[in-house]
Amino acid sequence: MANALREAESLGMDTVQVFTKNQQQWKVKPLERAAVDEWLAELRRLKWEDRTVSHASYLINLASPDDVLRRRSIELMREEIERAEMLSIPLVVVHPGAFTTSTAAEGVSRAAASVAEVLRSTPRYRTAVCLENTAGGGTLLGGAFEDLAAIRSRAVEAGGQPDRIGFCFDTCHAHAAGHDMGSRNAAAATLESFDAVCGLKRLRVLHLNDSKAPFGSHVDRHAHIGEGTIGRGGFAAVVNHPLFRALPKILETPKETTPKGTPWDRVNLQRLKRAGRPAIPRRPR
């Protein structure tokens, strides 16, 4: 795992997101002490104690109406928190889940109860849960910002510590869900909408990804910055937002190289940095 820190450093990044286990398996192999010590040593060297994020397993469905699956999901989510705490990772991102054969309202209630239970069972921990917006579609929760707000508020009411329940905003997911990110003005309006419903002050991490799929398609397909249906304009509203300067910003773009052999992560990072530069006014002719 420490290699992920070194690779991010070599690409000029100042933050990293990792899986602390195989994200496609329920079985959990205990963390080896040597791997933990190496990770913690690299964190101290880089001074990234607040710049790391863990993503929870894709198998987790905290909103499931299937009691067995929801119980397994709660237990695995607790394990994700335990591992993050051991690794001094302050944030664990998780998808809200799917309500499948039930209703959306029932799914929101179950997800909230699940989050609250996980946090109550780890009362003195620092690690926070970040509910991620999704592309929506089908029975997935989180396409509507109202889903995230309701899950958080009900989880707090059920005993979850407020400072340990935040949000992760994914640009690709937002655009695909029908929240327009396709220009600077449109993205700014979407962020204002998120603020009104969820509160930008509760946003703890950003996923910066373009979208291969069209606006409002509800299809979750990540693309390189400027290579999808968002384009580069929308990202300017995100990277220049004053409330986001200190937030971890994660690229979940395809891990590929260009025809010239340059890692796409480096290209994407450069594009985001250019989007964050002030515009140079044109001189009148």
Protein backbone atom coordinates (compact mmCIF):
# COMPACT_ATOMS: atom_id res chain seq x y z
CA MET A 1 0.00 0.00 0.00
CA ALA A 2 2.85 2.40 0.69
CA ASN A 3 3.71 2.15 -3.00
CA ALA A 4 0.49 4.08 -3.73
CA LEU A 5 1.86 7.00 -1.72
CA ARG A 6 5.19 6.94 -3.52
CA GLU A 7 3.52 6.70 -6.93
CA ALA A 8 1.25 9.66 -6.15
CA GLU A 9 4.27 11.68 -5.04
CA SER A 10 6.14 10.84 -8.25
CA LEU A 11 3.20 12.13 -10.32
CA GLY A 12 3.18 15.45 -8.46
CA MET A 13 0.04 14.72 -6.46
CA ASP A 14 -0.50 15.67 -2.84
CA THR A 15 -3.22 13.19 -1.91
CA VAL A 16 -4.19 9.58 -2.62
CA GLN A 17 -7.17 7.23 -2.39
CA VAL A 18 -6.67 3.54 -1.70
CA PHE A 19 -8.57 0.33 -1.09
CA THR A 20 -7.39 -1.24 2.15
CA LYS A 21 -8.62 -4.66 0.98
CA ASN A 22 -9.80 -6.36 -2.20
CA GLN A 23 -12.90 -4.31 -3.04
CA GLN A 24 -14.64 -7.24 -4.76
CA GLN A 25 -14.40 -9.74 -1.90
CA TRP A 26 -16.26 -10.11 1.37
CA LYS A 27 -13.36 -11.94 2.98
CA VAL A 28 -10.89 -9.68 4.74
CA LYS A 29 -7.25 -10.56 5.16
CA PRO A 30 -5.82 -8.90 8.29
CA LEU A 31 -3.42 -6.03 7.69
CA GLU A 32 0.17 -7.07 8.19
CA ARG A 33 2.05 -5.12 10.83
CA ALA A 34 5.00 -4.47 8.53
CA ALA A 35 2.72 -3.03 5.83
CA VAL A 36 1.01 -0.78 8.37
CA ASP A 37 4.33 0.47 9.72
CA GLU A 38 5.65 1.18 6.21
CA TRP A 39 2.46 3.08 5.31
CA LEU A 40 2.59 5.18 8.48
CA ALA A 41 6.25 5.96 7.93
CA GLU A 42 5.53 7.20 4.39
CA LEU A 43 2.61 9.30 5.68
CA ARG A 44 4.92 11.01 8.16
CA ARG A 45 7.61 11.57 5.53
CA LEU A 46 5.16 13.16 3.10
CA LYS A 47 3.19 14.97 5.83
CA TRP A 48 0.00 13.57 4.29
CA GLU A 49 -1.73 12.59 7.54
CA ASP A 50 -4.86 14.48 6.40
CA ARG A 51 -4.44 13.84 2.66
CA THR A 52 -5.44 10.19 2.36
CA VAL A 53 -8.80 8.63 1.57
CA SER A 54 -10.05 5.05 1.57
CA HIS A 55 -12.87 3.80 -0.67
CA ALA A 56 -15.12 1.15 0.83
CA SER A 57 -15.90 -2.11 -0.93
CA TYR A 58 -18.29 -2.01 -3.89
CA LEU A 59 -20.09 -5.01 -2.38
CA ILE A 60 -21.48 -2.97 0.49
CA ASN A 61 -25.18 -2.10 0.27
CA LEU A 62 -26.24 -0.31 3.44
CA ALA A 63 -29.73 0.30 2.01
CA SER A 64 -30.53 -3.31 1.13
CA PRO A 65 -33.94 -4.73 2.17
CA ASP A 66 -32.27 -8.14 2.43
CA ASP A 67 -31.48 -8.41 6.14
CA VAL A 68 -28.61 -10.86 5.59
CA LEU A 69 -26.94 -8.69 2.96
CA ARG A 70 -27.42 -5.52 4.98
CA ARG A 71 -25.92 -7.17 8.07
CA ARG A 72 -22.89 -8.32 6.05
CA SER A 73 -22.60 -4.80 4.64
CA ILE A 74 -22.67 -3.20 8.09
CA GLU A 75 -20.01 -5.60 9.35
CA LEU A 76 -17.79 -5.00 6.32
CA MET A 77 -18.26 -1.24 6.62
CA ARG A 78 -17.18 -1.45 10.25
CA GLU A 79 -14.10 -3.36 9.10
CA GLU A 80 -13.37 -0.60 6.55
CA ILE A 81 -13.47 1.95 9.38
CA GLU A 82 -11.27 -0.22 11.61
CA ARG A 83 -8.63 -0.55 8.89
CA ALA A 84 -8.69 3.14 8.04
CA GLU A 85 -8.27 4.03 11.70
CA MET A 86 -5.28 1.70 11.97
CA LEU A 87 -3.74 3.36 8.90
CA SER A 88 -4.50 6.94 10.05
CA ILE A 89 -6.77 7.46 7.05
CA PRO A 90 -9.32 10.10 8.09
CA LEU A 91 -11.99 9.52 5.41
CA VAL A 92 -13.78 6.44 4.06
CA VAL A 93 -15.94 7.01 0.97
CA VAL A 94 -18.98 4.75 0.51
CA HIS A 95 -21.85 4.60 -1.97
CA PRO A 96 -25.27 5.03 -0.29
CA GLY A 97 -26.56 1.75 -1.72
CA ALA A 98 -29.61 0.53 -3.64
CA PHE A 99 -33.16 0.03 -2.36
CA THR A 100 -33.76 -2.87 -4.87
CA THR A 101 -37.19 -4.42 -4.15
CA SER A 102 -38.33 -1.79 -1.65
CA THR A 103 -38.95 1.95 -1.99
CA ALA A 104 -36.45 4.79 -2.11
CA ALA A 105 -37.76 6.18 1.20
CA GLU A 106 -37.27 2.80 2.88
CA GLY A 107 -33.78 2.55 1.39
CA VAL A 108 -32.82 5.96 2.76
CA SER A 109 -34.04 4.92 6.22
CA ARG A 110 -32.08 1.67 6.15
CA ALA A 111 -28.91 3.37 4.90
CA ALA A 112 -29.16 5.97 7.66
CA ALA A 113 -29.67 3.32 10.32
CA SER A 114 -26.71 1.35 8.95
CA VAL A 115 -24.36 4.35 9.00
CA ALA A 116 -25.47 5.25 12.53
CA GLU A 117 -24.84 1.69 13.74
CA VAL A 118 -21.35 1.62 12.25
CA LEU A 119 -20.42 4.91 13.91
CA ARG A 120 -21.95 3.99 17.27
CA SER A 121 -19.84 0.82 17.26
CA THR A 122 -16.65 2.88 16.77
CA PRO A 123 -17.36 5.77 19.18
CA ARG A 124 -13.86 7.07 19.84
CA TYR A 125 -12.55 6.82 16.31
CA ARG A 126 -11.41 9.73 14.18
CA THR A 127 -12.26 8.21 10.79
CA ALA A 128 -15.34 9.70 9.10
CA VAL A 129 -17.80 8.23 6.59
CA CYS A 130 -18.24 10.19 3.33
CA LEU A 131 -21.46 9.46 1.43
CA GLU A 132 -20.77 9.69 -2.30
CA ASN A 133 -23.24 10.98 -4.87
CA THR A 134 -23.96 8.47 -7.63
CA ALA A 135 -25.08 8.49 -11.25
CA GLY A 136 -28.49 7.33 -10.05
CA GLY A 137 -30.67 5.21 -12.26
CA GLY A 138 -32.49 2.03 -11.35
CA THR A 139 -32.76 1.71 -7.60
CA LEU A 140 -29.46 3.42 -6.77
CA LEU A 141 -29.65 6.07 -4.07
CA GLY A 142 -27.50 9.20 -4.24
CA GLY A 143 -28.32 10.47 -7.72
CA ALA A 144 -30.51 13.05 -6.02
CA PHE A 145 -28.66 15.26 -3.54
CA GLU A 146 -31.72 14.97 -1.29
CA ASP A 147 -30.89 11.27 -0.74
CA LEU A 148 -27.50 12.15 0.72
CA ALA A 149 -28.89 14.90 2.94
CA ALA A 150 -31.65 12.67 4.28
CA ILE A 151 -29.31 9.76 5.03
CA ARG A 152 -26.94 12.05 6.91
CA SER A 153 -29.60 13.85 8.93
CA ARG A 154 -31.36 10.61 9.93
CA ALA A 155 -28.05 8.94 10.80
CA VAL A 156 -27.25 11.86 13.11
CA GLU A 157 -30.70 11.57 14.69
CA ALA A 158 -30.01 7.86 15.26
CA GLY A 159 -26.83 8.58 17.19
CA GLY A 160 -24.15 8.97 14.52
CA GLN A 161 -21.62 11.65 15.41
CA PRO A 162 -22.25 14.67 13.12
CA ASP A 163 -18.54 15.40 12.62
CA ARG A 164 -18.01 11.86 11.32
CA ILE A 165 -20.62 11.93 8.53
CA GLY A 166 -19.72 13.99 5.49
CA PHE A 167 -19.99 13.87 1.72
CA CYS A 168 -17.90 13.02 -1.34
CA PHE A 169 -18.77 14.85 -4.56
CA ASP A 170 -18.02 13.03 -7.81
CA THR A 171 -18.15 15.23 -10.93
CA CYS A 172 -18.81 12.38 -13.37
CA HIS A 173 -21.61 10.97 -11.22
CA ALA A 174 -23.22 14.38 -10.80
CA HIS A 175 -23.24 15.08 -14.55
CA ALA A 176 -24.57 11.63 -15.41
CA ALA A 177 -27.27 11.97 -12.75
CA GLY A 178 -28.59 15.15 -14.35
CA HIS A 179 -26.70 17.85 -12.42
CA ASP A 180 -25.09 19.86 -15.22
CA MET A 181 -21.30 20.17 -14.97
CA GLY A 182 -20.75 20.90 -18.66
CA SER A 183 -19.64 24.54 -18.34
CA ARG A 184 -18.20 26.79 -15.67
CA ASN A 185 -21.54 28.53 -15.08
CA ALA A 186 -23.51 25.28 -15.08
CA ALA A 187 -21.08 23.62 -12.66
CA ALA A 188 -21.22 26.65 -10.36
CA ALA A 189 -25.01 26.39 -10.33
CA THR A 190 -24.81 22.66 -9.54
CA LEU A 191 -22.49 23.35 -6.61
CA GLU A 192 -24.92 25.99 -5.36
CA SER A 193 -27.67 23.39 -5.52
CA PHE A 194 -25.53 20.90 -3.59
CA ASP A 195 -24.84 23.59 -1.01
CA ALA A 196 -28.55 24.34 -0.57
CA VAL A 197 -29.44 20.67 -0.08
CA CYS A 198 -26.41 19.08 1.58
CA GLY A 199 -24.12 21.95 2.62
CA LEU A 200 -20.71 22.46 1.07
CA LYS A 201 -19.27 22.79 4.58
CA ARG A 202 -19.96 19.06 4.97
CA LEU A 203 -18.09 18.15 1.79
CA ARG A 204 -14.88 16.32 2.77
CA VAL A 205 -13.46 14.96 -0.50
CA LEU A 206 -13.81 15.44 -4.27
CA HIS A 207 -13.63 12.90 -7.09
CA LEU A 208 -12.62 14.73 -10.27
CA ASN A 209 -13.59 12.71 -13.34
CA ASP A 210 -14.98 13.51 -16.77
CA SER A 211 -17.95 11.48 -18.01
CA LYS A 212 -17.95 9.20 -21.06
CA ALA A 213 -21.74 9.05 -20.92
CA PRO A 214 -24.09 11.93 -21.81
CA PHE A 215 -25.56 14.39 -19.34
CA GLY A 216 -28.49 12.85 -17.45
CA SER A 217 -27.85 9.35 -18.82
CA HIS A 218 -27.49 7.73 -15.37
CA VAL A 219 -24.54 5.77 -16.78
CA ASP A 220 -21.39 5.71 -14.65
CA ARG A 221 -18.40 5.76 -17.01
CA HIS A 222 -15.36 7.80 -16.04
CA ALA A 223 -13.24 9.62 -18.63
CA HIS A 224 -10.04 11.65 -18.64
CA ILE A 225 -10.35 15.35 -17.87
CA GLY A 226 -11.51 17.20 -20.97
CA GLU A 227 -12.13 13.97 -22.90
CA GLY A 228 -15.78 13.48 -22.00
CA THR A 229 -19.14 15.22 -21.95
CA ILE A 230 -18.16 17.58 -19.13
CA GLY A 231 -15.19 19.07 -20.95
CA ARG A 232 -12.69 21.34 -19.24
CA GLY A 233 -14.93 24.31 -18.47
CA GLY A 234 -16.89 22.69 -15.66
CA PHE A 235 -13.77 21.75 -13.75
CA ALA A 236 -12.74 25.41 -13.47
CA ALA A 237 -15.73 26.03 -11.20
CA VAL A 238 -14.64 23.16 -8.95
CA VAL A 239 -10.89 23.68 -8.66
CA ASN A 240 -11.30 27.44 -8.13
CA HIS A 241 -13.97 27.19 -5.45
CA PRO A 242 -12.61 28.82 -2.27
CA LEU A 243 -14.13 26.17 0.01
CA PHE A 244 -12.36 23.36 -1.84
CA ARG A 245 -8.75 24.53 -1.59
CA ALA A 246 -7.86 22.29 1.34
CA LEU A 247 -10.01 19.30 0.34
CA PRO A 248 -8.45 16.07 -0.95
CA LYS A 249 -9.08 15.85 -4.70
CA ILE A 250 -8.98 12.37 -6.19
CA LEU A 251 -8.64 11.33 -9.84
CA GLU A 252 -10.64 8.18 -10.57
CA THR A 253 -9.84 8.36 -14.26
CA PRO A 254 -8.59 5.31 -16.23
CA LYS A 255 -5.06 4.32 -15.23
CA GLU A 256 -3.49 4.35 -18.68
CA THR A 257 -0.63 5.95 -20.57
CA THR A 258 -0.78 8.19 -23.62
CA PRO A 259 0.64 7.00 -26.98
CA LYS A 260 3.85 8.81 -25.96
CA GLY A 261 4.03 6.82 -22.74
CA THR A 262 3.02 9.63 -20.36
CA PRO A 263 0.81 8.50 -17.45
CA TRP A 264 -2.70 9.89 -17.95
CA ASP A 265 -2.75 10.80 -14.25
CA ARG A 266 0.00 13.34 -14.95
CA VAL A 267 -1.90 14.73 -17.96
CA ASN A 268 -5.15 14.97 -16.00
CA LEU A 269 -3.40 16.70 -13.11
CA GLN A 270 -1.85 19.26 -15.48
CA ARG A 271 -5.24 19.96 -17.03
CA LEU A 272 -6.81 20.54 -13.64
CA LYS A 273 -3.98 22.86 -12.64
CA ARG A 274 -4.47 24.86 -15.84
CA ALA A 275 -8.18 25.11 -15.06
CA GLY A 276 -7.21 26.59 -11.70
CA ARG A 277 -5.09 29.37 -13.16
CA PRO A 278 -6.60 32.84 -13.45
CA ALA A 279 -7.71 33.74 -16.94
CA ILE A 280 -5.37 36.12 -18.82
CA PRO A 281 -7.41 38.95 -20.29
CA ARG A 282 -6.98 39.50 -24.02
CA ARG A 283 -5.44 42.79 -25.04
CA PRO A 284 -7.65 44.88 -27.34
CA ARG A 285 -6.30 45.11 -30.87
